[in-house]
Amino acid sequence: MEDWQNIEMNGTITPDNDPFIVQRADPFVCRGADGTWYFTGSYPAYDRILLRSSQSLEGLSEANERLIWVKHEHGPMSWHIWAPELHYVFGKWYIYFAAGEAENIWKIRPYVLECAGDPMTDEWRELGPMLPCAEDPVSFTDFSLDATIFNHRGECYYVWAQKTGSVSSNLYIAQMEAPNRLKTVMTMLTMPDYDWERVMFWVNEGPAVLNHDGKFYLTFSASGTGSCYCVGLLCADEDSDLLDPRSWKKERYPVLKTDPEKGIYGPGHNSFAKDDAGRDIMVYHARTYDGIRARDPLYDPNRHAHWLTVEYDENGMPVFTPGHRIR
C-alpha cells in the first residue's frame, strides 16, 4: 500500500466543496436515540476503525476520534479495512465493515463488531463474519463489501455489494435474522447496466437508504474510484415487496457526479441522516481536484467527507446539489 501520508492534501477549496471532514472516504453519519451524532469512515491506511461523536452535525468536524478496533496481523480482517457503518439494531450498537486478508488482499468479506453499551466509551468485541441463512449457498462466498442496514415495518434489511463470480459488483438485499446472520436468500437489486457504471470497472457498490414521503430511495456508487465515480439511484414504494427487484426502479443517469465548476470530483459512497429540523442530509466523499495523487485512485487519501441538504423536485424525487447546506 502506498505511503498516503506523503501525498499532499491540495485542491481548490470553495464554498461548494469545502470539506466537512478531511481524508475520510466512505463517510457514515447517524444519530442515537438521545440525539448524539456519530461519524465513521474509511481511514486512509485502511488498517483501523475510528469513531467520533458530537451533539451537533457541525461539531463532528472537530470532534476527537476514538480508536475502536485495529486490523489483525494475518488471516481474516487483516487488510483493506473498508467502509465501516454504525447501526443500532437488535438492541445494541454494531459496526459493519469489510476486510481482506494479508495473504489474499482481495478476499474481501463483511464482518461485524458489537458494543453492548456506549459506543464511545464501552468495549467493542468481534462477532466475526456476516453469515448467510441456511438456504443460501452464495451470499458472502465472493468479493463482498459495503453493507448498509435499514428497518421497515418490523424487519431489518441488509444491502451489500458482491461480485458472485462475475466481472461486475452488483447490489443484493436480504432480511436479517440476527446482527450477524441473514434471514432470507440474497436477491439482486441492480448490476452495472449503463456506460456511467462501467468506467474503469463494472461497479455498483456503497448503498445508502433514504425514506421519504412513502418511498424508499437507494443511492449507490458506480465505476472506478477516480473522477468517474458517481452516484446512481433506485426507488421503490414503501408498500411494495422490497425483496422483489421488480419493486425498484433505476434512474437512467447518475444523480450526483463530478462537477468541475464546483470543484467536486468523484463523489460517491454516501450516507443519510436527518438534521435537527427534520431535513434529510447526505454525507458523501469527493476529491477537490481532478486526477489522483497516487498510482491507483483507491490509495489517494484525499477523498474528503462533504455534506449537503437534500431537496425534492415537483415529482418528489431527491435532488443532491453540492454545496447546498441549510443550517
C-alpha atoms as a PDB file:
ATOM      1  CA  MET A   1       0.000   0.000   0.000  1.00  0.00           C
ATOM      2  CA  GLU A   2       1.300   3.452  -0.860  1.00  0.00           C
ATOM      3  CA  ASP A   3       2.523   5.953   1.744  1.00  0.00           C
ATOM      4  CA  TRP A   4      -0.624   8.088   1.877  1.00  0.00           C
ATOM      5  CA  GLN A   5       0.864  10.415   4.496  1.00  0.00           C
ATOM      6  CA  ASN A   6       3.297  11.765   1.906  1.00  0.00           C
ATOM      7  CA  ILE A   7       0.558  12.669  -0.567  1.00  0.00           C
ATOM      8  CA  GLU A   8      -0.295  16.358  -0.481  1.00  0.00           C
ATOM      9  CA  MET A   9      -3.789  17.379   0.539  1.00  0.00           C
ATOM     10  CA  ASN A  10      -4.405  20.045  -2.057  1.00  0.00           C
ATOM     11  CA  GLY A  11      -7.037  21.256  -4.481  1.00  0.00           C
ATOM     12  CA  THR A  12      -9.033  24.458  -4.732  1.00  0.00           C
ATOM     13  CA  ILE A  13     -11.412  24.899  -1.790  1.00  0.00           C
ATOM     14  CA  THR A  14     -14.607  26.902  -2.397  1.00  0.00           C
ATOM     15  CA  PRO A  15     -17.944  27.206  -0.536  1.00  0.00           C
ATOM     16  CA  ASP A  16     -19.250  24.455  -2.824  1.00  0.00           C
ATOM     17  CA  ASN A  17     -16.582  21.879  -1.973  1.00  0.00           C
ATOM     18  CA  ASP A  18     -15.378  22.873   1.494  1.00  0.00           C
ATOM     19  CA  PRO A  19     -14.650  19.505   3.142  1.00  0.00           C
ATOM     20  CA  PHE A  20     -16.615  18.553   6.223  1.00  0.00           C
ATOM     21  CA  ILE A  21     -14.041  16.018   7.472  1.00  0.00           C
ATOM     22  CA  VAL A  22     -10.798  15.565   5.541  1.00  0.00           C
ATOM     23  CA  GLN A  23      -9.367  12.252   4.384  1.00  0.00           C
ATOM     24  CA  ARG A  24     -12.317  10.120   5.384  1.00  0.00           C
ATOM     25  CA  ALA A  25     -13.769   8.192   2.460  1.00  0.00           C
ATOM     26  CA  ASP A  26     -17.000   6.187   2.647  1.00  0.00           C
ATOM     27  CA  PRO A  27     -18.388   8.537   5.325  1.00  0.00           C
ATOM     28  CA  PHE A  28     -21.169   7.312   7.558  1.00  0.00           C
ATOM     29  CA  VAL A  29     -23.247   9.556   9.835  1.00  0.00           C
ATOM     30  CA  CYS A  30     -26.059   8.528  12.163  1.00  0.00           C
ATOM     31  CA  ARG A  31     -27.839   9.747  15.297  1.00  0.00           C
ATOM     32  CA  GLY A  32     -28.534   7.968  18.548  1.00  0.00           C
ATOM     33  CA  ALA A  33     -31.897   7.985  20.294  1.00  0.00           C
ATOM     34  CA  ASP A  34     -30.611  10.765  22.559  1.00  0.00           C
ATOM     35  CA  GLY A  35     -29.737  12.963  19.559  1.00  0.00           C
ATOM     36  CA  THR A  36     -25.988  12.322  19.642  1.00  0.00           C
ATOM     37  CA  TRP A  37     -24.338  12.464  16.220  1.00  0.00           C
ATOM     38  CA  TYR A  38     -21.808   9.783  15.239  1.00  0.00           C
ATOM     39  CA  PHE A  39     -19.345   9.630  12.367  1.00  0.00           C
ATOM     40  CA  THR A  40     -17.054   6.951  10.982  1.00  0.00           C
ATOM     41  CA  GLY A  41     -15.439   6.224   7.620  1.00  0.00           C
ATOM     42  CA  SER A  42     -12.517   4.563   5.894  1.00  0.00           C
ATOM     43  CA  TYR A  43      -9.150   5.590   7.348  1.00  0.00           C
ATOM     44  CA  PRO A  44      -6.587   6.222   4.557  1.00  0.00           C
ATOM     45  CA  ALA A  45      -4.215   3.481   5.738  1.00  0.00           C
ATOM     46  CA  TYR A  46      -7.153   1.019   5.704  1.00  0.00           C
ATOM     47  CA  ASP A  47      -5.927  -0.524   8.943  1.00  0.00           C
ATOM     48  CA  ARG A  48      -8.318   0.629  11.705  1.00  0.00           C
ATOM     49  CA  ILE A  49     -11.806   1.774  12.629  1.00  0.00           C
ATOM     50  CA  LEU A  50     -12.311   5.147  14.291  1.00  0.00           C
ATOM     51  CA  LEU A  51     -15.465   6.702  15.701  1.00  0.00           C
ATOM     52  CA  ARG A  52     -16.312  10.263  16.723  1.00  0.00           C
ATOM     53  CA  SER A  53     -19.380  11.814  18.300  1.00  0.00           C
ATOM     54  CA  SER A  54     -20.827  15.265  18.874  1.00  0.00           C
ATOM     55  CA  GLN A  55     -24.005  16.976  19.996  1.00  0.00           C
ATOM     56  CA  SER A  56     -24.233  18.689  16.595  1.00  0.00           C
ATOM     57  CA  LEU A  57     -23.582  17.807  12.969  1.00  0.00           C
ATOM     58  CA  GLU A  58     -21.082  20.644  12.604  1.00  0.00           C
ATOM     59  CA  GLY A  59     -19.320  19.554  15.783  1.00  0.00           C
ATOM     60  CA  LEU A  60     -18.324  16.252  14.201  1.00  0.00           C
ATOM     61  CA  SER A  61     -15.723  18.044  12.070  1.00  0.00           C
ATOM     62  CA  GLU A  62     -13.617  18.914  15.149  1.00  0.00           C
ATOM     63  CA  ALA A  63     -14.605  16.045  17.449  1.00  0.00           C
ATOM     64  CA  ASN A  64     -11.993  13.710  18.888  1.00  0.00           C
ATOM     65  CA  GLU A  65     -11.826  10.228  17.434  1.00  0.00           C
ATOM     66  CA  ARG A  66     -11.906   7.035  19.446  1.00  0.00           C
ATOM     67  CA  LEU A  67      -9.872   4.095  18.170  1.00  0.00           C
ATOM     68  CA  ILE A  68     -12.431   1.264  18.123  1.00  0.00           C
ATOM     69  CA  TRP A  69     -10.507  -1.562  16.520  1.00  0.00           C
ATOM     70  CA  VAL A  70      -7.239  -2.356  14.695  1.00  0.00           C
ATOM     71  CA  LYS A  71      -6.722  -4.917  11.938  1.00  0.00           C
ATOM     72  CA  HIS A  72      -5.301  -8.359  12.605  1.00  0.00           C
ATOM     73  CA  GLU A  73      -1.732  -9.154  11.596  1.00  0.00           C
ATOM     74  CA  HIS A  74      -2.751 -12.034   9.329  1.00  0.00           C
ATOM     75  CA  GLY A  75      -5.754 -14.048   8.208  1.00  0.00           C
ATOM     76  CA  PRO A  76      -9.285 -12.629   8.039  1.00  0.00           C
ATOM     77  CA  MET A  77      -9.679  -8.947   8.903  1.00  0.00           C
ATOM     78  CA  SER A  78      -6.002  -8.149   8.294  1.00  0.00           C
ATOM     79  CA  TRP A  79      -6.087  -5.945   5.163  1.00  0.00           C
ATOM     80  CA  HIS A  80      -8.253  -3.349   3.383  1.00  0.00           C
ATOM     81  CA  ILE A  81     -10.424  -2.340   6.341  1.00  0.00           C
ATOM     82  CA  TRP A  82     -13.192  -0.545   4.455  1.00  0.00           C
ATOM     83  CA  ALA A  83     -16.419   1.393   4.856  1.00  0.00           C
ATOM     84  CA  PRO A  84     -17.442   0.915   8.493  1.00  0.00           C
ATOM     85  CA  GLU A  85     -21.051   1.765   9.357  1.00  0.00           C
ATOM     86  CA  LEU A  86     -22.505   2.206  12.848  1.00  0.00           C
ATOM     87  CA  HIS A  87     -26.043   0.917  13.446  1.00  0.00           C
ATOM     88  CA  TYR A  88     -28.241   0.449  16.498  1.00  0.00           C
ATOM     89  CA  VAL A  89     -30.181  -2.760  15.771  1.00  0.00           C
ATOM     90  CA  PHE A  90     -31.373  -5.743  17.819  1.00  0.00           C
ATOM     91  CA  GLY A  91     -30.950  -3.645  20.970  1.00  0.00           C
ATOM     92  CA  LYS A  92     -27.208  -2.919  20.672  1.00  0.00           C
ATOM     93  CA  TRP A  93     -24.668  -0.913  18.679  1.00  0.00           C
ATOM     94  CA  TYR A  94     -22.931  -2.685  15.795  1.00  0.00           C
ATOM     95  CA  ILE A  95     -20.250  -1.724  13.311  1.00  0.00           C
ATOM     96  CA  TYR A  96     -20.455  -3.392   9.902  1.00  0.00           C
ATOM     97  CA  PHE A  97     -17.329  -3.261   7.750  1.00  0.00           C
ATOM     98  CA  ALA A  98     -15.441  -5.111   5.033  1.00  0.00           C
ATOM     99  CA  ALA A  99     -11.924  -6.529   5.208  1.00  0.00           C
ATOM    100  CA  GLY A 100      -9.486  -8.655   3.256  1.00  0.00           C
ATOM    101  CA  GLU A 101      -6.609 -10.900   4.310  1.00  0.00           C
ATOM    102  CA  ALA A 102      -2.888 -10.127   4.292  1.00  0.00           C
ATOM    103  CA  GLU A 103      -2.345 -13.396   2.414  1.00  0.00           C
ATOM    104  CA  ASN A 104      -5.095 -12.564  -0.113  1.00  0.00           C
ATOM    105  CA  ILE A 105      -5.853  -8.848  -0.010  1.00  0.00           C
ATOM    106  CA  TRP A 106      -8.824  -9.057  -2.389  1.00  0.00           C
ATOM    107  CA  LYS A 107     -10.594 -11.731  -0.384  1.00  0.00           C
ATOM    108  CA  ILE A 108     -12.953  -9.039   0.874  1.00  0.00           C
ATOM    109  CA  ARG A 109     -15.789 -10.158   3.143  1.00  0.00           C
ATOM    110  CA  PRO A 110     -18.191  -8.418   5.588  1.00  0.00           C
ATOM    111  CA  TYR A 111     -17.591  -8.512   9.337  1.00  0.00           C
ATOM    112  CA  VAL A 112     -19.348  -7.299  12.492  1.00  0.00           C
ATOM    113  CA  LEU A 113     -18.307  -5.667  15.767  1.00  0.00           C
ATOM    114  CA  GLU A 114     -20.661  -5.396  18.771  1.00  0.00           C
ATOM    115  CA  CYS A 115     -20.935  -2.964  21.683  1.00  0.00           C
ATOM    116  CA  ALA A 116     -23.472  -3.550  24.451  1.00  0.00           C
ATOM    117  CA  GLY A 117     -23.167  -0.050  25.936  1.00  0.00           C
ATOM    118  CA  ASP A 118     -21.945   3.406  24.956  1.00  0.00           C
ATOM    119  CA  PRO A 119     -20.132   3.177  21.586  1.00  0.00           C
ATOM    120  CA  MET A 120     -17.688   5.921  22.591  1.00  0.00           C
ATOM    121  CA  THR A 121     -16.647   4.500  25.954  1.00  0.00           C
ATOM    122  CA  ASP A 122     -17.578   0.833  26.291  1.00  0.00           C
ATOM    123  CA  GLU A 123     -15.867  -2.268  24.953  1.00  0.00           C
ATOM    124  CA  TRP A 124     -16.275  -3.493  21.383  1.00  0.00           C
ATOM    125  CA  ARG A 125     -15.986  -7.195  20.589  1.00  0.00           C
ATOM    126  CA  GLU A 126     -15.707  -9.128  17.338  1.00  0.00           C
ATOM    127  CA  LEU A 127     -18.723 -11.146  16.200  1.00  0.00           C
ATOM    128  CA  GLY A 128     -16.828 -12.400  13.167  1.00  0.00           C
ATOM    129  CA  PRO A 129     -18.112 -12.604   9.583  1.00  0.00           C
ATOM    130  CA  MET A 130     -21.621 -11.848   8.418  1.00  0.00           C
ATOM    131  CA  LEU A 131     -23.377 -15.180   7.806  1.00  0.00           C
ATOM    132  CA  PRO A 132     -25.972 -16.224   5.215  1.00  0.00           C
ATOM    133  CA  CYS A 133     -29.169 -18.058   6.044  1.00  0.00           C
ATOM    134  CA  ALA A 134     -29.066 -21.851   5.898  1.00  0.00           C
ATOM    135  CA  GLU A 135     -30.814 -21.959   2.496  1.00  0.00           C
ATOM    136  CA  ASP A 136     -28.344 -19.581   0.827  1.00  0.00           C
ATOM    137  CA  PRO A 137     -25.122 -21.123  -0.559  1.00  0.00           C
ATOM    138  CA  VAL A 138     -23.934 -17.960  -2.354  1.00  0.00           C
ATOM    139  CA  SER A 139     -24.005 -14.912  -0.049  1.00  0.00           C
ATOM    140  CA  PHE A 140     -20.526 -13.752   1.028  1.00  0.00           C
ATOM    141  CA  THR A 141     -18.726 -16.512  -0.881  1.00  0.00           C
ATOM    142  CA  ASP A 142     -17.079 -13.967  -3.211  1.00  0.00           C
ATOM    143  CA  PHE A 143     -15.845 -10.355  -3.065  1.00  0.00           C
ATOM    144  CA  SER A 144     -18.445  -8.744  -0.735  1.00  0.00           C
ATOM    145  CA  LEU A 145     -18.439  -5.290   0.852  1.00  0.00           C
ATOM    146  CA  ASP A 146     -20.208  -2.006   1.642  1.00  0.00           C
ATOM    147  CA  ALA A 147     -23.103  -3.309   3.699  1.00  0.00           C
ATOM    148  CA  THR A 148     -25.787  -0.970   4.951  1.00  0.00           C
ATOM    149  CA  ILE A 149     -28.869  -1.627   7.092  1.00  0.00           C
ATOM    150  CA  PHE A 150     -32.353  -0.160   7.289  1.00  0.00           C
ATOM    151  CA  ASN A 151     -35.538  -1.019   9.190  1.00  0.00           C
ATOM    152  CA  HIS A 152     -39.070  -1.142   7.819  1.00  0.00           C
ATOM    153  CA  ARG A 153     -42.245  -2.368   9.492  1.00  0.00           C
ATOM    154  CA  GLY A 154     -40.543  -4.614  11.986  1.00  0.00           C
ATOM    155  CA  GLU A 155     -37.999  -6.103   9.591  1.00  0.00           C
ATOM    156  CA  CYS A 156     -34.299  -5.300   9.359  1.00  0.00           C
ATOM    157  CA  TYR A 157     -32.868  -5.272   5.829  1.00  0.00           C
ATOM    158  CA  TYR A 158     -29.234  -5.784   4.812  1.00  0.00           C
ATOM    159  CA  VAL A 159     -27.999  -4.394   1.465  1.00  0.00           C
ATOM    160  CA  TRP A 160     -24.489  -5.026   0.141  1.00  0.00           C
ATOM    161  CA  ALA A 161     -22.282  -5.301  -2.947  1.00  0.00           C
ATOM    162  CA  GLN A 162     -20.961  -8.634  -4.171  1.00  0.00           C
ATOM    163  CA  LYS A 163     -19.311  -9.976  -7.322  1.00  0.00           C
ATOM    164  CA  THR A 164     -20.779 -13.501  -7.135  1.00  0.00           C
ATOM    165  CA  GLY A 165     -18.306 -14.929  -9.623  1.00  0.00           C
ATOM    166  CA  SER A 166     -18.910 -12.258 -12.268  1.00  0.00           C
ATOM    167  CA  VAL A 167     -16.833  -9.352 -13.548  1.00  0.00           C
ATOM    168  CA  SER A 168     -19.258  -6.868 -12.036  1.00  0.00           C
ATOM    169  CA  SER A 169     -20.026  -5.807  -8.492  1.00  0.00           C
ATOM    170  CA  ASN A 170     -23.804  -5.939  -8.016  1.00  0.00           C
ATOM    171  CA  LEU A 171     -26.139  -4.907  -5.209  1.00  0.00           C
ATOM    172  CA  TYR A 172     -28.071  -7.504  -3.189  1.00  0.00           C
ATOM    173  CA  ILE A 173     -30.695  -7.349  -0.453  1.00  0.00           C
ATOM    174  CA  ALA A 174     -31.925  -9.740   2.260  1.00  0.00           C
ATOM    175  CA  GLN A 175     -33.722  -9.557   5.576  1.00  0.00           C
ATOM    176  CA  MET A 176     -31.773 -10.101   8.793  1.00  0.00           C
ATOM    177  CA  GLU A 177     -32.424 -12.747  11.426  1.00  0.00           C
ATOM    178  CA  ALA A 178     -29.718 -11.600  13.847  1.00  0.00           C
ATOM    179  CA  PRO A 179     -26.995  -8.943  13.956  1.00  0.00           C
ATOM    180  CA  ASN A 180     -24.592 -11.218  12.079  1.00  0.00           C
ATOM    181  CA  ARG A 181     -26.919 -13.522  10.136  1.00  0.00           C
ATOM    182  CA  LEU A 182     -29.344 -13.167   7.243  1.00  0.00           C
ATOM    183  CA  LYS A 183     -32.918 -14.423   7.393  1.00  0.00           C
ATOM    184  CA  THR A 184     -33.636 -14.723   3.666  1.00  0.00           C
ATOM    185  CA  VAL A 185     -31.801 -15.721   0.496  1.00  0.00           C
ATOM    186  CA  MET A 186     -29.992 -12.895  -1.300  1.00  0.00           C
ATOM    187  CA  THR A 187     -31.835 -11.071  -4.105  1.00  0.00           C
ATOM    188  CA  MET A 188     -30.057  -8.934  -6.698  1.00  0.00           C
ATOM    189  CA  LEU A 189     -31.384  -5.373  -6.964  1.00  0.00           C
ATOM    190  CA  THR A 190     -29.108  -3.943  -9.626  1.00  0.00           C
ATOM    191  CA  MET A 191     -25.989  -4.570 -11.681  1.00  0.00           C
ATOM    192  CA  PRO A 192     -23.954  -2.125 -13.807  1.00  0.00           C
ATOM    193  CA  ASP A 193     -26.237  -1.687 -16.841  1.00  0.00           C
ATOM    194  CA  TYR A 194     -25.193   1.712 -18.182  1.00  0.00           C
ATOM    195  CA  ASP A 195     -22.000   3.258 -19.534  1.00  0.00           C
ATOM    196  CA  TRP A 196     -21.528   5.502 -16.488  1.00  0.00           C
ATOM    197  CA  GLU A 197     -21.459   2.392 -14.267  1.00  0.00           C
ATOM    198  CA  ARG A 198     -18.694   0.724 -16.276  1.00  0.00           C
ATOM    199  CA  VAL A 199     -15.803   3.216 -16.339  1.00  0.00           C
ATOM    200  CA  MET A 200     -12.537   1.525 -15.236  1.00  0.00           C
ATOM    201  CA  PHE A 201     -14.576  -1.244 -13.582  1.00  0.00           C
ATOM    202  CA  TRP A 202     -18.151  -2.538 -13.702  1.00  0.00           C
ATOM    203  CA  VAL A 203     -19.313  -1.431 -10.267  1.00  0.00           C
ATOM    204  CA  ASN A 204     -22.433  -0.921  -8.176  1.00  0.00           C
ATOM    205  CA  GLU A 205     -21.451  -0.501  -4.511  1.00  0.00           C
ATOM    206  CA  GLY A 206     -21.833   1.727  -1.451  1.00  0.00           C
ATOM    207  CA  PRO A 207     -25.627   1.539  -0.978  1.00  0.00           C
ATOM    208  CA  ALA A 208     -27.456   4.003   1.286  1.00  0.00           C
ATOM    209  CA  VAL A 209     -31.177   4.207   2.014  1.00  0.00           C
ATOM    210  CA  LEU A 210     -33.402   7.278   2.287  1.00  0.00           C
ATOM    211  CA  ASN A 211     -37.091   7.029   3.264  1.00  0.00           C
ATOM    212  CA  HIS A 212     -39.263   9.994   2.221  1.00  0.00           C
ATOM    213  CA  ASP A 213     -42.956  10.538   1.567  1.00  0.00           C
ATOM    214  CA  GLY A 214     -43.882   6.875   1.099  1.00  0.00           C
ATOM    215  CA  LYS A 215     -40.838   5.983  -0.997  1.00  0.00           C
ATOM    216  CA  PHE A 216     -37.521   4.293  -0.403  1.00  0.00           C
ATOM    217  CA  TYR A 217     -34.614   5.806  -2.311  1.00  0.00           C
ATOM    218  CA  LEU A 218     -31.455   3.728  -2.506  1.00  0.00           C
ATOM    219  CA  THR A 219     -28.338   5.503  -3.691  1.00  0.00           C
ATOM    220  CA  PHE A 220     -25.294   3.565  -4.847  1.00  0.00           C
ATOM    221  CA  SER A 221     -21.864   4.340  -6.268  1.00  0.00           C
ATOM    222  CA  ALA A 222     -20.702   3.316  -9.712  1.00  0.00           C
ATOM    223  CA  SER A 223     -17.475   2.860 -11.729  1.00  0.00           C
ATOM    224  CA  GLY A 224     -13.873   3.180 -10.537  1.00  0.00           C
ATOM    225  CA  THR A 225     -12.831   5.340  -7.604  1.00  0.00           C
ATOM    226  CA  GLY A 226     -11.349   8.193  -9.662  1.00  0.00           C
ATOM    227  CA  SER A 227     -13.205  11.180 -11.103  1.00  0.00           C
ATOM    228  CA  CYS A 228     -15.556   8.780 -12.911  1.00  0.00           C
ATOM    229  CA  TYR A 229     -17.039   7.681  -9.569  1.00  0.00           C
ATOM    230  CA  CYS A 230     -20.672   8.799  -9.326  1.00  0.00           C
ATOM    231  CA  VAL A 231     -23.985   8.124  -7.595  1.00  0.00           C
ATOM    232  CA  GLY A 232     -26.969   6.283  -9.052  1.00  0.00           C
ATOM    233  CA  LEU A 233     -30.468   5.892  -7.649  1.00  0.00           C
ATOM    234  CA  LEU A 234     -33.115   3.199  -7.176  1.00  0.00           C
ATOM    235  CA  CYS A 235     -36.652   3.931  -5.977  1.00  0.00           C
ATOM    236  CA  ALA A 236     -39.367   1.676  -4.514  1.00  0.00           C
ATOM    237  CA  ASP A 237     -42.770   2.278  -2.975  1.00  0.00           C
ATOM    238  CA  GLU A 238     -42.667   1.548   0.763  1.00  0.00           C
ATOM    239  CA  ASP A 239     -45.800  -0.635   0.406  1.00  0.00           C
ATOM    240  CA  SER A 240     -44.105  -2.868  -2.181  1.00  0.00           C
ATOM    241  CA  ASP A 241     -42.136  -6.065  -1.594  1.00  0.00           C
ATOM    242  CA  LEU A 242     -38.656  -4.657  -1.038  1.00  0.00           C
ATOM    243  CA  LEU A 243     -37.108  -8.078  -1.664  1.00  0.00           C
ATOM    244  CA  ASP A 244     -38.575  -8.130  -5.175  1.00  0.00           C
ATOM    245  CA  PRO A 245     -36.236  -6.434  -7.688  1.00  0.00           C
ATOM    246  CA  ARG A 246     -39.287  -5.527  -9.771  1.00  0.00           C
ATOM    247  CA  SER A 247     -40.317  -3.155  -6.983  1.00  0.00           C
ATOM    248  CA  TRP A 248     -37.254  -0.987  -7.613  1.00  0.00           C
ATOM    249  CA  LYS A 249     -36.934   1.482 -10.487  1.00  0.00           C
ATOM    250  CA  LYS A 250     -33.439   2.501 -11.548  1.00  0.00           C
ATOM    251  CA  GLU A 251     -32.737   6.013 -12.812  1.00  0.00           C
ATOM    252  CA  ARG A 252     -31.156   6.158 -16.254  1.00  0.00           C
ATOM    253  CA  TYR A 253     -28.482   8.717 -15.340  1.00  0.00           C
ATOM    254  CA  PRO A 254     -26.397   9.430 -12.232  1.00  0.00           C
ATOM    255  CA  VAL A 255     -27.897  11.781  -9.665  1.00  0.00           C
ATOM    256  CA  LEU A 256     -24.534  13.062  -8.389  1.00  0.00           C
ATOM    257  CA  LYS A 257     -21.328  13.159 -10.435  1.00  0.00           C
ATOM    258  CA  THR A 258     -18.136  15.134 -10.993  1.00  0.00           C
ATOM    259  CA  ASP A 259     -18.808  18.868 -11.258  1.00  0.00           C
ATOM    260  CA  PRO A 260     -15.643  20.762 -12.294  1.00  0.00           C
ATOM    261  CA  GLU A 261     -17.304  24.160 -11.827  1.00  0.00           C
ATOM    262  CA  LYS A 262     -17.880  23.368  -8.157  1.00  0.00           C
ATOM    263  CA  GLY A 263     -14.588  21.551  -7.677  1.00  0.00           C
ATOM    264  CA  ILE A 264     -16.232  18.239  -6.859  1.00  0.00           C
ATOM    265  CA  TYR A 265     -14.542  15.156  -8.356  1.00  0.00           C
ATOM    266  CA  GLY A 266     -15.619  11.530  -7.998  1.00  0.00           C
ATOM    267  CA  PRO A 267     -18.441  11.966  -5.479  1.00  0.00           C
ATOM    268  CA  GLY A 268     -19.850   8.788  -4.007  1.00  0.00           C
ATOM    269  CA  HIS A 269     -20.370   6.305  -1.186  1.00  0.00           C
ATOM    270  CA  ASN A 270     -22.754   8.348   0.894  1.00  0.00           C
ATOM    271  CA  SER A 271     -24.998   8.025   3.930  1.00  0.00           C
ATOM    272  CA  PHE A 272     -28.163   9.835   5.031  1.00  0.00           C
ATOM    273  CA  ALA A 273     -29.396  11.362   8.295  1.00  0.00           C
ATOM    274  CA  LYS A 274     -31.896  13.969   9.466  1.00  0.00           C
ATOM    275  CA  ASP A 275     -30.856  17.314  10.912  1.00  0.00           C
ATOM    276  CA  ASP A 276     -32.460  18.975  13.937  1.00  0.00           C
ATOM    277  CA  ALA A 277     -35.185  20.473  11.724  1.00  0.00           C
ATOM    278  CA  GLY A 278     -36.059  17.072  10.232  1.00  0.00           C
ATOM    279  CA  ARG A 279     -34.429  17.800   6.882  1.00  0.00           C
ATOM    280  CA  ASP A 280     -32.614  14.992   5.086  1.00  0.00           C
ATOM    281  CA  ILE A 281     -28.879  15.420   4.717  1.00  0.00           C
ATOM    282  CA  MET A 282     -26.485  13.462   2.545  1.00  0.00           C
ATOM    283  CA  VAL A 283     -22.877  12.886   3.592  1.00  0.00           C
ATOM    284  CA  TYR A 284     -20.603  11.721   0.767  1.00  0.00           C
ATOM    285  CA  HIS A 285     -16.950  11.702  -0.181  1.00  0.00           C
ATOM    286  CA  ALA A 286     -15.250  13.510  -3.058  1.00  0.00           C
ATOM    287  CA  ARG A 287     -11.902  14.959  -4.085  1.00  0.00           C
ATOM    288  CA  THR A 288     -11.353  18.659  -4.620  1.00  0.00           C
ATOM    289  CA  TYR A 289      -9.156  18.121  -7.679  1.00  0.00           C
ATOM    290  CA  ASP A 290      -9.239  16.128 -10.891  1.00  0.00           C
ATOM    291  CA  GLY A 291      -6.988  13.137 -11.374  1.00  0.00           C
ATOM    292  CA  ILE A 292      -5.221  11.429  -8.499  1.00  0.00           C
ATOM    293  CA  ARG A 293      -2.081  11.837  -6.412  1.00  0.00           C
ATOM    294  CA  ALA A 294      -1.248   8.130  -6.321  1.00  0.00           C
ATOM    295  CA  ARG A 295      -0.733   5.334  -8.843  1.00  0.00           C
ATOM    296  CA  ASP A 296      -4.193   3.974  -8.046  1.00  0.00           C
ATOM    297  CA  PRO A 297      -7.127   6.240  -7.076  1.00  0.00           C
ATOM    298  CA  LEU A 298      -8.035   3.766  -4.341  1.00  0.00           C
ATOM    299  CA  TYR A 299      -4.862   4.774  -2.485  1.00  0.00           C
ATOM    300  CA  ASP A 300      -5.179   8.518  -2.943  1.00  0.00           C
ATOM    301  CA  PRO A 301      -6.203   9.571   0.595  1.00  0.00           C
ATOM    302  CA  ASN A 302      -7.813  12.850  -0.414  1.00  0.00           C
ATOM    303  CA  ARG A 303     -11.381  11.664  -0.603  1.00  0.00           C
ATOM    304  CA  HIS A 304     -12.903  14.033   1.903  1.00  0.00           C
ATOM    305  CA  ALA A 305     -16.295  13.836   3.596  1.00  0.00           C
ATOM    306  CA  HIS A 306     -18.771  16.515   2.457  1.00  0.00           C
ATOM    307  CA  TRP A 307     -22.436  17.070   3.301  1.00  0.00           C
ATOM    308  CA  LEU A 308     -25.414  18.660   1.615  1.00  0.00           C
ATOM    309  CA  THR A 309     -29.082  19.243   2.339  1.00  0.00           C
ATOM    310  CA  VAL A 310     -31.369  17.098   0.196  1.00  0.00           C
ATOM    311  CA  GLU A 311     -34.188  18.839  -1.647  1.00  0.00           C
ATOM    312  CA  TYR A 312     -37.085  17.284  -3.565  1.00  0.00           C
ATOM    313  CA  ASP A 313     -38.398  18.235  -7.001  1.00  0.00           C
ATOM    314  CA  GLU A 314     -42.011  18.586  -8.117  1.00  0.00           C
ATOM    315  CA  ASN A 315     -42.230  14.818  -8.606  1.00  0.00           C
ATOM    316  CA  GLY A 316     -40.933  14.110  -5.113  1.00  0.00           C
ATOM    317  CA  MET A 317     -37.534  12.903  -6.348  1.00  0.00           C
ATOM    318  CA  PRO A 318     -34.496  13.790  -4.233  1.00  0.00           C
ATOM    319  CA  VAL A 319     -32.090  16.391  -5.593  1.00  0.00           C
ATOM    320  CA  PHE A 320     -28.444  16.336  -4.498  1.00  0.00           C
ATOM    321  CA  THR A 321     -26.653  19.669  -5.013  1.00  0.00           C
ATOM    322  CA  PRO A 322     -23.046  20.005  -3.807  1.00  0.00           C
ATOM    323  CA  GLY A 323     -22.554  22.983  -1.545  1.00  0.00           C
ATOM    324  CA  HIS A 324     -26.274  23.222  -0.693  1.00  0.00           C
ATOM    325  CA  ARG A 325     -26.337  23.341   3.101  1.00  0.00           C
ATOM    326  CA  ILE A 326     -29.306  24.672   5.072  1.00  0.00           C
ATOM    327  CA  ARG A 327     -28.489  25.277   8.722  1.00  0.00           C
END
